[in-house]
């Protein structure tokens, strides 16, 4: 197995100083949408057939690797970034203004369809997940399907029998289940994520909003090793995502994208072979 040490902590922070986790209902979004077009307006909307959002380590690695492969370079465009206001006060009590990029938004034309890919650069705190979902909804006009790429660690997975990595399950909105049959266009969906396993954070917020707005959305959930990201867990998204968005699926054993080089430099050197 190709294992990549995971540098993304998914631990919830419930210490005494953060008891406001459930009560801290911020009235102002910490996120800002920054268009790459100088002629854009604040209420800009991107029209697309599909919206693919890669969250946490596995999902973001898949999206980043696909973008960096440049196989659709002639029809690929950076459309926007999402930044988070991380301003605060230093040890001397002086205010420091700062913004951190949390996502890059690209559009790709493939197979006659336009897909917008959201590449996350860091994990969003659960208390901000709804703001993130709302921001995407405000700027994306999706005509066909929203696809969220999420993951669970082996220790988080609840089942009588823990499957081996790679393993992918899914969750769909009601409209998605009615519109997309199991064997649509030869694509067999994975089994449903079994109870009591649940989505959390950005993935849960996006799917919940799509359900309430009666939109077609599906989340593919891959299983990650506890202490490292197995490349096969990322490549497992390929056979479900690529046929949907019109990118040829080549069925390569080790995956058709270079997932290792898409990781931060300080993690690729620790690759286990």
Foldseek 3Di string as FASTA:
>chain_A
DKWFFFPADPDADCDPVVVCLVVCQDPDAQKAKFFPDPPDDRQAADEFAEEEEAADDLRLLLLLLVVVVCPQVVFKDFTIWMKGFPWDADPVRDTDTDIGTFWTWMWGQAPNGIYIYIRGPGHDRQSNQLVVLVVNVSHYDHDHEYEYEAEDEQVLQDDPDRDDPWDKAKDWAPLQPVPDDCCPPNHHHHHHRDPPDDDTGNVVNNRVVCNVVVHTYMYIYTYAYDGTGDQRSSLVCQSVPCVVRRHDRPPDPSHDTDSLVSDPPVTSVVIDD
